[in-house]
Protein backbone atom coordinates (compact mmCIF):
# COMPACT_ATOMS: atom_id res chain seq x y z
CA MET A 1 21.79 -9.20 -62.61
CA ARG A 2 21.52 -12.37 -60.61
CA GLY A 3 23.54 -10.75 -57.87
CA ASP A 4 21.06 -7.90 -57.75
CA SER A 5 18.05 -10.24 -57.54
CA ARG A 6 19.70 -12.17 -54.71
CA ARG A 7 20.25 -8.95 -52.77
CA CYS A 8 16.64 -8.02 -53.31
CA SER A 9 15.57 -11.48 -52.22
CA ASP A 10 17.82 -11.29 -49.11
CA GLY A 11 16.46 -7.82 -48.37
CA ALA A 12 12.90 -9.12 -48.62
CA ARG A 13 13.78 -11.96 -46.26
CA SER A 14 15.33 -9.58 -43.71
CA ASN A 15 12.23 -7.39 -43.95
CA ILE A 16 10.06 -10.44 -43.22
CA GLY A 17 12.16 -11.04 -40.11
CA GLY A 18 11.60 -7.39 -39.21
CA ASP A 19 7.86 -7.86 -39.61
CA GLN A 20 7.94 -10.86 -37.30
CA TYR A 21 9.96 -8.88 -34.80
CA MET A 22 7.43 -6.03 -34.95
CA ARG A 23 4.52 -8.46 -34.47
CA ALA A 24 6.23 -10.03 -31.46
CA LEU A 25 6.90 -6.57 -30.02
CA ALA A 26 3.28 -5.54 -30.61
CA LEU A 27 2.04 -8.72 -28.87
CA LEU A 28 4.31 -8.02 -25.91
CA ILE A 29 3.00 -4.46 -25.61
CA VAL A 30 -0.61 -5.64 -25.80
CA ALA A 31 0.07 -8.29 -23.13
CA LEU A 32 1.58 -5.66 -20.82
CA LEU A 33 -1.36 -3.34 -21.38
CA LEU A 34 -3.86 -6.11 -20.66
CA THR A 35 -2.03 -6.93 -17.43
CA ALA A 36 -2.20 -3.28 -16.39
CA CYS A 37 -5.95 -3.18 -17.16
CA MET A 38 -6.90 -6.05 -14.86
CA SER A 39 -10.28 -5.74 -13.19
CA PHE A 40 -10.67 -6.09 -9.44
CA GLU A 41 -12.38 -9.46 -9.83
CA GLU A 42 -9.20 -10.78 -11.42
CA LEU A 43 -7.12 -10.03 -8.32
CA GLY A 44 -7.87 -13.43 -6.87
CA ASN A 45 -9.63 -14.18 -3.64
CA GLY A 46 -6.99 -15.86 -1.54
CA TYR A 47 -4.12 -18.26 -1.33
CA GLY A 48 -4.75 -21.89 -2.05
CA PRO A 49 -3.80 -24.70 -4.39
CA ASP A 50 -6.01 -23.40 -7.21
CA SER A 51 -5.99 -19.70 -6.34
CA LYS A 52 -3.00 -17.50 -6.98
CA PRO A 53 -3.35 -13.78 -6.27
CA LYS A 54 -2.60 -11.44 -9.13
CA ILE A 55 0.18 -8.89 -9.03
CA VAL A 56 -1.04 -5.33 -9.63
CA ASP A 57 0.05 -1.74 -9.26
CA PRO A 58 -1.39 -0.67 -5.88
CA GLU A 59 -1.76 2.88 -7.17
CA ARG A 60 -4.81 1.66 -9.10
CA PHE A 61 -6.56 1.28 -5.72
CA LYS A 62 -5.30 4.51 -4.14
CA VAL A 63 -8.04 6.70 -2.68
CA ASP A 64 -8.51 10.23 -1.38
CA PRO A 65 -7.87 9.81 2.38
CA SER A 66 -10.08 12.80 3.22
CA LYS A 67 -13.13 10.76 2.21
CA TYR A 68 -12.32 7.91 4.63
CA PRO A 69 -12.03 7.57 8.41
CA LYS A 70 -8.67 7.93 10.16
CA PHE A 71 -7.54 5.28 12.63
CA ARG A 72 -5.28 4.97 15.66
CA LEU A 73 -4.55 2.56 18.49
CA ALA A 74 -5.69 3.20 22.06
CA GLU A 75 -2.41 1.83 23.47
CA GLU A 76 1.17 1.40 22.32
CA PHE A 77 1.69 -1.85 20.41
CA ASP A 78 4.86 -3.69 19.38
CA PRO A 79 3.94 -5.13 15.99
CA PRO A 80 5.34 -8.34 14.58
CA SER A 81 7.73 -8.28 11.63
CA PRO A 82 6.11 -8.29 8.19
CA ALA A 83 5.30 -11.67 6.69
CA ASP A 84 6.48 -12.50 3.21
CA ASP A 85 3.73 -12.71 0.56
CA TRP A 86 5.01 -16.03 -0.76
CA ASP A 87 6.93 -17.77 2.05
CA PRO A 88 5.46 -17.98 5.57
CA LYS A 89 8.85 -19.10 6.97
CA TYR A 90 10.72 -15.99 5.79
CA GLN A 91 11.91 -13.79 8.69
CA TRP A 92 12.08 -10.02 8.15
CA LYS A 93 15.50 -8.74 9.19
CA HIS A 94 14.39 -5.36 10.63
CA ILE A 95 12.95 -4.85 14.09
CA MET A 96 9.71 -2.92 13.90
CA VAL A 97 9.23 0.25 15.93
CA SER A 98 6.25 0.46 18.25
CA ILE A 99 2.95 1.77 16.96
CA LEU A 100 2.05 4.71 19.21
CA PRO A 101 -1.42 6.01 20.09
CA SER A 102 -0.34 9.32 18.51
CA ASP A 103 0.22 7.65 15.11
CA ILE A 104 -2.69 8.53 12.83
CA TRP A 105 -3.35 5.88 10.17
CA ILE A 106 -5.03 7.10 6.99
CA VAL A 107 -6.72 4.96 4.37
CA ARG A 108 -4.42 4.95 1.35
CA HIS A 109 -5.93 2.03 -0.60
CA ASP A 110 -9.45 0.59 -0.64
CA VAL A 111 -9.30 -3.01 -1.82
CA ALA A 112 -12.67 -4.83 -1.78
CA ASP A 113 -13.61 -5.37 1.86
CA ARG A 114 -10.31 -4.08 3.32
CA TYR A 115 -8.38 -0.88 3.67
CA ILE A 116 -4.63 -0.54 3.55
CA VAL A 117 -3.86 2.17 6.11
CA MET A 118 -0.56 4.00 6.54
CA SER A 119 0.89 6.39 9.06
CA GLU A 120 3.39 9.05 8.05
CA SER A 121 4.79 9.31 11.59
CA TYR A 122 5.18 5.53 11.84
CA ASN A 123 6.91 5.32 8.44
CA ARG A 124 9.36 8.08 9.42
CA ARG A 125 10.35 6.27 12.64
CA GLN A 126 10.63 2.87 10.94
CA CYS A 127 12.74 4.24 8.08
CA ALA A 128 14.99 6.04 10.58
CA ARG A 129 15.50 2.75 12.45
CA GLU A 130 16.38 0.99 9.22
CA GLN A 131 18.54 3.95 8.18
CA LYS A 132 16.99 3.73 4.73
CA PHE A 133 15.28 6.81 3.44
CA ALA A 134 15.61 6.54 -0.33
CA GLU A 135 14.55 2.89 -0.54
CA CYS A 136 12.29 2.63 2.48
CA TYR A 137 8.99 0.81 2.06
CA LEU A 138 5.62 2.32 2.82
CA TYR A 139 4.37 0.30 5.79
CA GLY A 140 0.67 -0.36 5.49
CA VAL A 141 -1.68 -2.48 7.57
CA PHE A 142 -4.70 -4.40 6.24
CA LEU A 143 -7.82 -3.39 8.18
CA THR A 144 -11.47 -4.29 7.84
CA LYS A 145 -13.78 -1.31 7.42
CA GLN A 146 -14.49 -1.61 11.17
CA GLY A 147 -10.79 -1.28 12.11
CA GLN A 148 -9.97 -4.94 12.83
CA VAL A 149 -6.50 -5.99 11.60
CA SER A 150 -7.12 -8.46 8.79
CA GLY A 151 -3.90 -9.55 7.14
CA GLY A 152 -1.15 -7.72 8.99
CA TRP A 153 1.50 -5.67 7.25
CA LYS A 154 1.50 -4.76 3.56
CA LEU A 155 4.80 -3.31 2.41
CA LEU A 156 4.58 -1.19 -0.72
CA ARG A 157 7.26 0.48 -2.79
CA ASN A 158 7.10 4.26 -2.60
CA PRO A 159 5.54 5.41 -5.91
CA ASP A 160 7.50 8.68 -5.70
CA ARG A 161 10.78 6.77 -5.75
CA VAL A 162 10.26 4.24 -8.53
CA VAL A 163 10.08 5.01 -12.21
CA ALA A 164 8.19 2.10 -13.74
CA PHE A 165 4.81 0.88 -12.47
CA TRP A 166 5.97 -2.75 -12.50
CA GLU A 167 8.53 -1.92 -9.79
CA ARG A 168 5.57 -1.10 -7.50
CA GLU A 169 3.49 -4.16 -8.35
CA ARG A 170 2.41 -6.34 -5.44
CA SER A 171 -0.30 -8.77 -4.48
CA LEU A 172 -3.06 -6.94 -2.63
CA VAL A 173 -4.55 -10.12 -1.19
CA PRO A 174 -3.52 -10.62 2.46
CA THR A 175 -1.86 -13.90 3.32
CA SER A 176 -3.44 -16.35 5.72
CA TRP A 177 -0.27 -16.16 7.85
CA GLY A 178 -0.01 -12.34 7.81
CA ASN A 179 -2.22 -11.86 10.88
CA LYS A 180 0.16 -13.72 13.22
CA GLY A 181 0.93 -11.40 16.13
CA TRP A 182 -1.94 -9.05 15.28
CA GLU A 183 -4.71 -11.25 16.68
CA GLN A 184 -7.56 -9.34 18.32
CA LEU A 185 -5.93 -5.96 17.60
CA HIS A 186 -8.48 -3.31 16.76
CA PHE A 187 -7.76 0.22 15.51
CA ILE A 188 -10.25 2.86 16.58
CA GLU A 189 -11.47 5.79 14.55
CA SER A 190 -9.57 8.98 15.23
CA LYS A 191 -11.56 12.21 15.41
């Protein structure tokens, strides 16, 4: 009988371990859900010693482009390479194609006082240059509501080509060094 009571006792102990495992799993799930439910105020307001931008799924800020203005450039422009979100010294390895006056830039994301605009024609040309179609980024530009470039490039993962939302997650706060090469560039509204 003692052997039976020991087995029961061992079984109870293994079940306690299972309960702890389930609690840890539940806490992990709750933490992930809370991260996904972050309010806009929690995004952060810039880069600095005490301010770290939050990483979010950009699709939470996606908008209906038909309700926003479209933009274009008056003249052809050779844009700088994208800046890294975390390291201002990082050099992008791809040469960027020119932005043409015929490229129409639609508002894809509305983030506080800025838009992230994207152009389908520009993305096609850039992805063709990189010879990457399956893994190509969506090339967006931070603009003020008046069309002034305010943060440079924002590269986003294509939501149609990734399975999990965390693969798309990015900081949506422009870097202080992202505007280099875009100074004084102004997009105009396209009719």
